[in-house]
Amino acid sequence: MIQEIASILVTAGHEADFEAGVAQARPLFMRARGCHGVALHRSIENPQQYTLVVDWETVENHMVDFRESADFQEWRKLVGSHFAEPPQVHHEAKVL
């Protein structure tokens, strides 16, 4: 199991619409091959900063199965217009 960690900066004033878009997109992730969960966290100190955490079985499930799907394109339609800059994405594996 790995986690996709996406740091997302949202344009000021778009926070509620972004959160609604992520909620609407959650089923797109959950039906993707290898996806086991989605969580969205919002920074207390910088309310325009979010962290999206998606649990995947493998990096390939994220980078190939999901990213090359129509559901990924729908995800971007739902939230992409709210990004202040491109998200910074990396993958992590639990070691302890």
PDB file of N, CA and C in Angstrom:
ATOM      1  N   MET A   1       0.855  -1.182   0.000  1.00  0.00           N
ATOM      2  CA  MET A   1       0.000   0.000   0.000  1.00  0.00           C
ATOM      3  C   MET A   1       0.894   1.237   0.000  1.00  0.00           C
ATOM      4  N   ILE A   2       0.547   2.198  -0.827  1.00  0.00           N
ATOM      5  CA  ILE A   2       1.265   3.463  -0.885  1.00  0.00           C
ATOM      6  C   ILE A   2       0.259   4.603  -0.786  1.00  0.00           C
ATOM      7  N   GLN A   3       0.771   5.793  -0.539  1.00  0.00           N
ATOM      8  CA  GLN A   3      -0.083   6.967  -0.510  1.00  0.00           C
ATOM      9  C   GLN A   3       0.411   7.976  -1.527  1.00  0.00           C
ATOM     10  N   GLU A   4      -0.543   8.503  -2.254  1.00  0.00           N
ATOM     11  CA  GLU A   4      -0.307   9.672  -3.102  1.00  0.00           C
ATOM     12  C   GLU A   4      -0.551  10.876  -2.211  1.00  0.00           C
ATOM     13  N   ILE A   5       0.419  11.771  -2.137  1.00  0.00           N
ATOM     14  CA  ILE A   5       0.299  12.991  -1.344  1.00  0.00           C
ATOM     15  C   ILE A   5       0.360  14.165  -2.319  1.00  0.00           C
ATOM     16  N   ALA A   6      -0.733  14.918  -2.411  1.00  0.00           N
ATOM     17  CA  ALA A   6      -0.793  16.057  -3.320  1.00  0.00           C
ATOM     18  C   ALA A   6      -0.977  17.337  -2.511  1.00  0.00           C
ATOM     19  N   SER A   7      -0.017  18.237  -2.608  1.00  0.00           N
ATOM     20  CA  SER A   7      -0.139  19.558  -1.989  1.00  0.00           C
ATOM     21  C   SER A   7      -0.778  20.481  -3.013  1.00  0.00           C
ATOM     22  N   ILE A   8      -1.908  21.048  -2.631  1.00  0.00           N
ATOM     23  CA  ILE A   8      -2.704  21.837  -3.569  1.00  0.00           C
ATOM     24  C   ILE A   8      -2.954  23.223  -2.987  1.00  0.00           C
ATOM     25  N   LEU A   9      -2.531  24.234  -3.717  1.00  0.00           N
ATOM     26  CA  LEU A   9      -2.814  25.623  -3.353  1.00  0.00           C
ATOM     27  C   LEU A   9      -3.996  26.081  -4.191  1.00  0.00           C
ATOM     28  N   VAL A  10      -5.039  26.530  -3.507  1.00  0.00           N
ATOM     29  CA  VAL A  10      -6.283  26.929  -4.161  1.00  0.00           C
ATOM     30  C   VAL A  10      -6.341  28.457  -4.245  1.00  0.00           C
ATOM     31  N   THR A  11      -6.877  28.971  -5.323  1.00  0.00           N
ATOM     32  CA  THR A  11      -7.059  30.406  -5.496  1.00  0.00           C
ATOM     33  C   THR A  11      -7.955  30.947  -4.384  1.00  0.00           C
ATOM     34  N   ALA A  12      -7.575  32.093  -3.822  1.00  0.00           N
ATOM     35  CA  ALA A  12      -8.361  32.728  -2.756  1.00  0.00           C
ATOM     36  C   ALA A  12      -9.811  32.899  -3.202  1.00  0.00           C
ATOM     37  N   GLY A  13     -10.715  32.557  -2.310  1.00  0.00           N
ATOM     38  CA  GLY A  13     -12.137  32.662  -2.597  1.00  0.00           C
ATOM     39  C   GLY A  13     -12.734  31.425  -3.255  1.00  0.00           C
ATOM     40  N   HIS A  14     -11.900  30.458  -3.626  1.00  0.00           N
ATOM     41  CA  HIS A  14     -12.369  29.240  -4.285  1.00  0.00           C
ATOM     42  C   HIS A  14     -12.427  28.038  -3.333  1.00  0.00           C
ATOM     43  N   GLU A  15     -12.150  28.244  -2.064  1.00  0.00           N
ATOM     44  CA  GLU A  15     -12.025  27.125  -1.134  1.00  0.00           C
ATOM     45  C   GLU A  15     -13.294  26.265  -1.066  1.00  0.00           C
ATOM     46  N   ALA A  16     -14.443  26.872  -0.908  1.00  0.00           N
ATOM     47  CA  ALA A  16     -15.684  26.106  -0.792  1.00  0.00           C
ATOM     48  C   ALA A  16     -15.989  25.344  -2.080  1.00  0.00           C
ATOM     49  N   ASP A  17     -15.775  25.976  -3.226  1.00  0.00           N
ATOM     50  CA  ASP A  17     -16.026  25.305  -4.502  1.00  0.00           C
ATOM     51  C   ASP A  17     -15.043  24.158  -4.723  1.00  0.00           C
ATOM     52  N   PHE A  18     -13.782  24.347  -4.319  1.00  0.00           N
ATOM     53  CA  PHE A  18     -12.799  23.281  -4.432  1.00  0.00           C
ATOM     54  C   PHE A  18     -13.206  22.092  -3.566  1.00  0.00           C
ATOM     55  N   GLU A  19     -13.566  22.345  -2.323  1.00  0.00           N
ATOM     56  CA  GLU A  19     -13.982  21.262  -1.424  1.00  0.00           C
ATOM     57  C   GLU A  19     -15.195  20.524  -1.977  1.00  0.00           C
ATOM     58  N   ALA A  20     -16.136  21.261  -2.539  1.00  0.00           N
ATOM     59  CA  ALA A  20     -17.320  20.628  -3.142  1.00  0.00           C
ATOM     60  C   ALA A  20     -16.916  19.775  -4.345  1.00  0.00           C
ATOM     61  N   GLY A  21     -15.973  20.264  -5.136  1.00  0.00           N
ATOM     62  CA  GLY A  21     -15.493  19.505  -6.287  1.00  0.00           C
ATOM     63  C   GLY A  21     -14.810  18.219  -5.881  1.00  0.00           C
ATOM     64  N   VAL A  22     -14.004  18.274  -4.815  1.00  0.00           N
ATOM     65  CA  VAL A  22     -13.344  17.061  -4.325  1.00  0.00           C
ATOM     66  C   VAL A  22     -14.389  16.067  -3.818  1.00  0.00           C
ATOM     67  N   ALA A  23     -15.372  16.559  -3.092  1.00  0.00           N
ATOM     68  CA  ALA A  23     -16.437  15.667  -2.608  1.00  0.00           C
ATOM     69  C   ALA A  23     -17.159  15.004  -3.771  1.00  0.00           C
ATOM     70  N   GLN A  24     -17.420  15.772  -4.816  1.00  0.00           N
ATOM     71  CA  GLN A  24     -18.099  15.233  -5.994  1.00  0.00           C
ATOM     72  C   GLN A  24     -17.208  14.221  -6.724  1.00  0.00           C
ATOM     73  N   ALA A  25     -15.907  14.437  -6.687  1.00  0.00           N
ATOM     74  CA  ALA A  25     -14.962  13.563  -7.396  1.00  0.00           C
ATOM     75  C   ALA A  25     -14.595  12.315  -6.608  1.00  0.00           C
ATOM     76  N   ARG A  26     -14.884  12.270  -5.341  1.00  0.00           N
ATOM     77  CA  ARG A  26     -14.480  11.127  -4.510  1.00  0.00           C
ATOM     78  C   ARG A  26     -14.868   9.783  -5.135  1.00  0.00           C
ATOM     79  N   PRO A  27     -16.081   9.620  -5.649  1.00  0.00           N
ATOM     80  CA  PRO A  27     -16.428   8.330  -6.266  1.00  0.00           C
ATOM     81  C   PRO A  27     -15.550   7.972  -7.463  1.00  0.00           C
ATOM     82  N   LEU A  28     -15.016   8.962  -8.163  1.00  0.00           N
ATOM     83  CA  LEU A  28     -14.124   8.691  -9.296  1.00  0.00           C
ATOM     84  C   LEU A  28     -12.870   7.971  -8.821  1.00  0.00           C
ATOM     85  N   PHE A  29     -12.343   8.421  -7.693  1.00  0.00           N
ATOM     86  CA  PHE A  29     -11.174   7.760  -7.105  1.00  0.00           C
ATOM     87  C   PHE A  29     -11.550   6.372  -6.594  1.00  0.00           C
ATOM     88  N   MET A  30     -12.642   6.311  -5.843  1.00  0.00           N
ATOM     89  CA  MET A  30     -12.991   5.068  -5.159  1.00  0.00           C
ATOM     90  C   MET A  30     -13.298   3.914  -6.115  1.00  0.00           C
ATOM     91  N   ARG A  31     -13.704   4.217  -7.329  1.00  0.00           N
ATOM     92  CA  ARG A  31     -13.955   3.128  -8.281  1.00  0.00           C
ATOM     93  C   ARG A  31     -12.714   2.789  -9.110  1.00  0.00           C
ATOM     94  N   ALA A  32     -11.638   3.554  -8.923  1.00  0.00           N
ATOM     95  CA  ALA A  32     -10.398   3.298  -9.663  1.00  0.00           C
ATOM     96  C   ALA A  32      -9.730   2.031  -9.149  1.00  0.00           C
ATOM     97  N   ARG A  33      -9.097   1.332 -10.047  1.00  0.00           N
ATOM     98  CA  ARG A  33      -8.373   0.116  -9.687  1.00  0.00           C
ATOM     99  C   ARG A  33      -7.302   0.437  -8.645  1.00  0.00           C
ATOM    100  N   GLY A  34      -7.324  -0.294  -7.542  1.00  0.00           N
ATOM    101  CA  GLY A  34      -6.303  -0.170  -6.516  1.00  0.00           C
ATOM    102  C   GLY A  34      -6.493   0.955  -5.525  1.00  0.00           C
ATOM    103  N   CYS A  35      -7.563   1.724  -5.630  1.00  0.00           N
ATOM    104  CA  CYS A  35      -7.793   2.825  -4.688  1.00  0.00           C
ATOM    105  C   CYS A  35      -8.523   2.301  -3.452  1.00  0.00           C
ATOM    106  N   HIS A  36      -7.994   2.673  -2.273  1.00  0.00           N
ATOM    107  CA  HIS A  36      -8.581   2.203  -1.015  1.00  0.00           C
ATOM    108  C   HIS A  36      -9.075   3.335  -0.122  1.00  0.00           C
ATOM    109  N   GLY A  37      -8.910   4.576  -0.541  1.00  0.00           N
ATOM    110  CA  GLY A  37      -9.409   5.667   0.289  1.00  0.00           C
ATOM    111  C   GLY A  37      -8.902   7.017  -0.175  1.00  0.00           C
ATOM    112  N   VAL A  38      -9.665   8.057   0.167  1.00  0.00           N
ATOM    113  CA  VAL A  38      -9.336   9.434  -0.195  1.00  0.00           C
ATOM    114  C   VAL A  38      -9.620  10.318   1.010  1.00  0.00           C
ATOM    115  N   ALA A  39      -8.673  11.198   1.325  1.00  0.00           N
ATOM    116  CA  ALA A  39      -8.873  12.169   2.406  1.00  0.00           C
ATOM    117  C   ALA A  39      -8.370  13.530   1.937  1.00  0.00           C
ATOM    118  N   LEU A  40      -9.059  14.568   2.363  1.00  0.00           N
ATOM    119  CA  LEU A  40      -8.648  15.935   2.052  1.00  0.00           C
ATOM    120  C   LEU A  40      -8.433  16.665   3.370  1.00  0.00           C
ATOM    121  N   HIS A  41      -7.254  17.291   3.509  1.00  0.00           N
ATOM    122  CA  HIS A  41      -6.909  18.040   4.703  1.00  0.00           C
ATOM    123  C   HIS A  41      -6.700  19.508   4.312  1.00  0.00           C
ATOM    124  N   ARG A  42      -7.115  20.406   5.210  1.00  0.00           N
ATOM    125  CA  ARG A  42      -6.958  21.844   4.960  1.00  0.00           C
ATOM    126  C   ARG A  42      -6.053  22.445   6.028  1.00  0.00           C
ATOM    127  N   SER A  43      -5.114  23.259   5.621  1.00  0.00           N
ATOM    128  CA  SER A  43      -4.183  23.901   6.549  1.00  0.00           C
ATOM    129  C   SER A  43      -4.920  24.904   7.434  1.00  0.00           C
ATOM    130  N   ILE A  44      -4.557  24.889   8.690  1.00  0.00           N
ATOM    131  CA  ILE A  44      -5.110  25.864   9.638  1.00  0.00           C
ATOM    132  C   ILE A  44      -4.452  27.229   9.409  1.00  0.00           C
ATOM    133  N   GLU A  45      -3.119  27.218   9.269  1.00  0.00           N
ATOM    134  CA  GLU A  45      -2.372  28.470   9.132  1.00  0.00           C
ATOM    135  C   GLU A  45      -2.568  29.133   7.773  1.00  0.00           C
ATOM    136  N   ASN A  46      -2.752  28.336   6.730  1.00  0.00           N
ATOM    137  CA  ASN A  46      -2.942  28.859   5.374  1.00  0.00           C
ATOM    138  C   ASN A  46      -4.159  28.168   4.760  1.00  0.00           C
ATOM    139  N   PRO A  47      -5.348  28.732   4.942  1.00  0.00           N
ATOM    140  CA  PRO A  47      -6.581  28.057   4.524  1.00  0.00           C
ATOM    141  C   PRO A  47      -6.721  27.799   3.024  1.00  0.00           C
ATOM    142  N   GLN A  48      -5.832  28.352   2.218  1.00  0.00           N
ATOM    143  CA  GLN A  48      -5.851  28.069   0.777  1.00  0.00           C
ATOM    144  C   GLN A  48      -5.024  26.830   0.444  1.00  0.00           C
ATOM    145  N   GLN A  49      -4.305  26.285   1.438  1.00  0.00           N
ATOM    146  CA  GLN A  49      -3.430  25.132   1.228  1.00  0.00           C
ATOM    147  C   GLN A  49      -4.132  23.847   1.671  1.00  0.00           C
ATOM    148  N   TYR A  50      -4.172  22.877   0.763  1.00  0.00           N
ATOM    149  CA  TYR A  50      -4.796  21.584   1.029  1.00  0.00           C
ATOM    150  C   TYR A  50      -3.798  20.460   0.782  1.00  0.00           C
ATOM    151  N   THR A  51      -4.044  19.334   1.440  1.00  0.00           N
ATOM    152  CA  THR A  51      -3.299  18.107   1.176  1.00  0.00           C
ATOM    153  C   THR A  51      -4.314  17.013   0.871  1.00  0.00           C
ATOM    154  N   LEU A  52      -4.200  16.462  -0.324  1.00  0.00           N
ATOM    155  CA  LEU A  52      -5.042  15.339  -0.735  1.00  0.00           C
ATOM    156  C   LEU A  52      -4.215  14.077  -0.541  1.00  0.00           C
ATOM    157  N   VAL A  53      -4.772  13.121   0.189  1.00  0.00           N
ATOM    158  CA  VAL A  53      -4.089  11.850   0.445  1.00  0.00           C
ATOM    159  C   VAL A  53      -4.964  10.730  -0.117  1.00  0.00           C
ATOM    160  N   VAL A  54      -4.389   9.977  -1.060  1.00  0.00           N
ATOM    161  CA  VAL A  54      -5.118   8.868  -1.678  1.00  0.00           C
ATOM    162  C   VAL A  54      -4.333   7.587  -1.424  1.00  0.00           C
ATOM    163  N   ASP A  55      -5.009   6.588  -0.899  1.00  0.00           N
ATOM    164  CA  ASP A  55      -4.404   5.283  -0.640  1.00  0.00           C
ATOM    165  C   ASP A  55      -4.544   4.412  -1.881  1.00  0.00           C
ATOM    166  N   TRP A  56      -3.395   3.950  -2.384  1.00  0.00           N
ATOM    167  CA  TRP A  56      -3.351   3.097  -3.569  1.00  0.00           C
ATOM    168  C   TRP A  56      -2.621   1.805  -3.242  1.00  0.00           C
ATOM    169  N   GLU A  57      -2.956   0.746  -3.940  1.00  0.00           N
ATOM    170  CA  GLU A  57      -2.198  -0.499  -3.797  1.00  0.00           C
ATOM    171  C   GLU A  57      -0.793  -0.326  -4.356  1.00  0.00           C
ATOM    172  N   THR A  58      -0.679   0.330  -5.514  1.00  0.00           N
ATOM    173  CA  THR A  58       0.623   0.510  -6.161  1.00  0.00           C
ATOM    174  C   THR A  58       0.706   1.901  -6.782  1.00  0.00           C
ATOM    175  N   VAL A  59       1.922   2.338  -7.056  1.00  0.00           N
ATOM    176  CA  VAL A  59       2.125   3.596  -7.770  1.00  0.00           C
ATOM    177  C   VAL A  59       1.495   3.500  -9.157  1.00  0.00           C
ATOM    178  N   GLU A  60       1.599   2.339  -9.785  1.00  0.00           N
ATOM    179  CA  GLU A  60       1.033   2.143 -11.125  1.00  0.00           C
ATOM    180  C   GLU A  60      -0.487   2.317 -11.129  1.00  0.00           C
ATOM    181  N   ASN A  61      -1.150   1.911 -10.025  1.00  0.00           N
ATOM    182  CA  ASN A  61      -2.594   2.125  -9.953  1.00  0.00           C
ATOM    183  C   ASN A  61      -2.922   3.604 -10.059  1.00  0.00           C
ATOM    184  N   HIS A  62      -2.090   4.440  -9.456  1.00  0.00           N
ATOM    185  CA  HIS A  62      -2.308   5.878  -9.556  1.00  0.00           C
ATOM    186  C   HIS A  62      -1.857   6.422 -10.904  1.00  0.00           C
ATOM    187  N   MET A  63      -0.582   6.186 -11.246  1.00  0.00           N
ATOM    188  CA  MET A  63       0.049   6.843 -12.391  1.00  0.00           C
ATOM    189  C   MET A  63      -0.402   6.301 -13.744  1.00  0.00           C
ATOM    190  N   VAL A  64      -0.843   5.065 -13.796  1.00  0.00           N
ATOM    191  CA  VAL A  64      -1.280   4.476 -15.068  1.00  0.00           C
ATOM    192  C   VAL A  64      -2.791   4.279 -15.069  1.00  0.00           C
ATOM    193  N   ASP A  65      -3.281   3.433 -14.152  1.00  0.00           N
ATOM    194  CA  ASP A  65      -4.704   3.083 -14.162  1.00  0.00           C
ATOM    195  C   ASP A  65      -5.608   4.300 -13.996  1.00  0.00           C
ATOM    196  N   PHE A  66      -5.285   5.185 -13.042  1.00  0.00           N
ATOM    197  CA  PHE A  66      -6.141   6.350 -12.816  1.00  0.00           C
ATOM    198  C   PHE A  66      -5.781   7.514 -13.720  1.00  0.00           C
ATOM    199  N   ARG A  67      -4.509   7.866 -13.778  1.00  0.00           N
ATOM    200  CA  ARG A  67      -4.100   9.060 -14.528  1.00  0.00           C
ATOM    201  C   ARG A  67      -4.393   8.963 -16.014  1.00  0.00           C
ATOM    202  N   GLU A  68      -4.465   7.770 -16.551  1.00  0.00           N
ATOM    203  CA  GLU A  68      -4.752   7.598 -17.973  1.00  0.00           C
ATOM    204  C   GLU A  68      -6.233   7.301 -18.244  1.00  0.00           C
ATOM    205  N   SER A  69      -7.073   7.509 -17.240  1.00  0.00           N
ATOM    206  CA  SER A  69      -8.498   7.195 -17.386  1.00  0.00           C
ATOM    207  C   SER A  69      -9.338   8.448 -17.652  1.00  0.00           C
ATOM    208  N   ALA A  70     -10.552   8.211 -18.128  1.00  0.00           N
ATOM    209  CA  ALA A  70     -11.515   9.305 -18.302  1.00  0.00           C
ATOM    210  C   ALA A  70     -11.892   9.904 -16.951  1.00  0.00           C
ATOM    211  N   ASP A  71     -11.869   9.093 -15.890  1.00  0.00           N
ATOM    212  CA  ASP A  71     -12.200   9.604 -14.555  1.00  0.00           C
ATOM    213  C   ASP A  71     -11.185  10.649 -14.094  1.00  0.00           C
ATOM    214  N   PHE A  72      -9.917  10.502 -14.477  1.00  0.00           N
ATOM    215  CA  PHE A  72      -8.923  11.517 -14.136  1.00  0.00           C
ATOM    216  C   PHE A  72      -9.261  12.835 -14.837  1.00  0.00           C
ATOM    217  N   GLN A  73      -9.658  12.747 -16.097  1.00  0.00           N
ATOM    218  CA  GLN A  73     -10.042  13.959 -16.828  1.00  0.00           C
ATOM    219  C   GLN A  73     -11.241  14.630 -16.161  1.00  0.00           C
ATOM    220  N   GLU A  74     -12.182  13.837 -15.678  1.00  0.00           N
ATOM    221  CA  GLU A  74     -13.350  14.386 -14.978  1.00  0.00           C
ATOM    222  C   GLU A  74     -12.923  15.042 -13.659  1.00  0.00           C
ATOM    223  N   TRP A  75     -12.010  14.408 -12.934  1.00  0.00           N
ATOM    224  CA  TRP A  75     -11.458  14.983 -11.699  1.00  0.00           C
ATOM    225  C   TRP A  75     -10.885  16.365 -11.960  1.00  0.00           C
ATOM    226  N   ARG A  76     -10.086  16.467 -13.018  1.00  0.00           N
ATOM    227  CA  ARG A  76      -9.464  17.750 -13.329  1.00  0.00           C
ATOM    228  C   ARG A  76     -10.508  18.794 -13.724  1.00  0.00           C
ATOM    229  N   LYS A  77     -11.573  18.392 -14.418  1.00  0.00           N
ATOM    230  CA  LYS A  77     -12.656  19.329 -14.759  1.00  0.00           C
ATOM    231  C   LYS A  77     -13.334  19.857 -13.496  1.00  0.00           C
ATOM    232  N   LEU A  78     -13.497  18.995 -12.508  1.00  0.00           N
ATOM    233  CA  LEU A  78     -14.193  19.379 -11.282  1.00  0.00           C
ATOM    234  C   LEU A  78     -13.370  20.315 -10.400  1.00  0.00           C
ATOM    235  N   VAL A  79     -12.045  20.162 -10.399  1.00  0.00           N
ATOM    236  CA  VAL A  79     -11.237  20.926  -9.442  1.00  0.00           C
ATOM    237  C   VAL A  79     -10.153  21.800 -10.072  1.00  0.00           C
ATOM    238  N   GLY A  80      -9.759  21.515 -11.288  1.00  0.00           N
ATOM    239  CA  GLY A  80      -8.610  22.183 -11.903  1.00  0.00           C
ATOM    240  C   GLY A  80      -8.713  23.693 -11.974  1.00  0.00           C
ATOM    241  N   SER A  81      -9.886  24.224 -12.177  1.00  0.00           N
ATOM    242  CA  SER A  81     -10.037  25.682 -12.293  1.00  0.00           C
ATOM    243  C   SER A  81      -9.819  26.399 -10.957  1.00  0.00           C
ATOM    244  N   HIS A  82      -9.756  25.644  -9.870  1.00  0.00           N
ATOM    245  CA  HIS A  82      -9.557  26.235  -8.542  1.00  0.00           C
ATOM    246  C   HIS A  82      -8.093  26.258  -8.121  1.00  0.00           C
ATOM    247  N   PHE A  83      -7.221  25.583  -8.870  1.00  0.00           N
ATOM    248  CA  PHE A  83      -5.800  25.536  -8.528  1.00  0.00           C
ATOM    249  C   PHE A  83      -5.153  26.902  -8.758  1.00  0.00           C
ATOM    250  N   ALA A  84      -4.417  27.390  -7.770  1.00  0.00           N
ATOM    251  CA  ALA A  84      -3.642  28.619  -7.932  1.00  0.00           C
ATOM    252  C   ALA A  84      -2.344  28.323  -8.676  1.00  0.00           C
ATOM    253  N   GLU A  85      -1.897  27.079  -8.609  1.00  0.00           N
ATOM    254  CA  GLU A  85      -0.690  26.599  -9.288  1.00  0.00           C
ATOM    255  C   GLU A  85      -0.815  25.083  -9.414  1.00  0.00           C
ATOM    256  N   PRO A  86      -0.008  24.465 -10.248  1.00  0.00           N
ATOM    257  CA  PRO A  86      -0.107  23.006 -10.379  1.00  0.00           C
ATOM    258  C   PRO A  86       0.188  22.312  -9.041  1.00  0.00           C
ATOM    259  N   PRO A  87      -0.573  21.268  -8.704  1.00  0.00           N
ATOM    260  CA  PRO A  87      -0.316  20.525  -7.468  1.00  0.00           C
ATOM    261  C   PRO A  87       1.075  19.885  -7.482  1.00  0.00           C
ATOM    262  N   GLN A  88       1.644  19.762  -6.297  1.00  0.00           N
ATOM    263  CA  GLN A  88       2.908  19.051  -6.105  1.00  0.00           C
ATOM    264  C   GLN A  88       2.564  17.667  -5.574  1.00  0.00           C
ATOM    265  N   VAL A  89       2.927  16.618  -6.338  1.00  0.00           N
ATOM    266  CA  VAL A  89       2.510  15.264  -5.996  1.00  0.00           C
ATOM    267  C   VAL A  89       3.720  14.359  -5.807  1.00  0.00           C
ATOM    268  N   HIS A  90       3.665  13.546  -4.749  1.00  0.00           N
ATOM    269  CA  HIS A  90       4.667  12.507  -4.555  1.00  0.00           C
ATOM    270  C   HIS A  90       3.996  11.292  -3.920  1.00  0.00           C
ATOM    271  N   HIS A  91       4.729  10.195  -3.862  1.00  0.00           N
ATOM    272  CA  HIS A  91       4.212   8.944  -3.287  1.00  0.00           C
ATOM    273  C   HIS A  91       5.043   8.556  -2.087  1.00  0.00           C
ATOM    274  N   GLU A  92       4.379   7.967  -1.092  1.00  0.00           N
ATOM    275  CA  GLU A  92       5.061   7.533   0.128  1.00  0.00           C
ATOM    276  C   GLU A  92       4.637   6.122   0.465  1.00  0.00           C
ATOM    277  N   ALA A  93       5.542   5.426   1.146  1.00  0.00           N
ATOM    278  CA  ALA A  93       5.238   4.101   1.692  1.00  0.00           C
ATOM    279  C   ALA A  93       5.509   4.156   3.191  1.00  0.00           C
ATOM    280  N   LYS A  94       4.639   3.548   3.959  1.00  0.00           N
ATOM    281  CA  LYS A  94       4.801   3.511   5.410  1.00  0.00           C
ATOM    282  C   LYS A  94       5.992   2.628   5.759  1.00  0.00           C
ATOM    283  N   VAL A  95       6.861   3.130   6.616  1.00  0.00           N
ATOM    284  CA  VAL A  95       8.031   2.347   7.018  1.00  0.00           C
ATOM    285  C   VAL A  95       8.008   1.984   8.497  1.00  0.00           C
ATOM    286  N   LEU A  96       7.208   2.635   9.282  1.00  0.00           N
ATOM    287  CA  LEU A  96       7.082   2.323  10.704  1.00  0.00           C
ATOM    288  C   LEU A  96       5.637   2.306  11.124  1.00  0.00           C
TER     289      LEU A  96
END
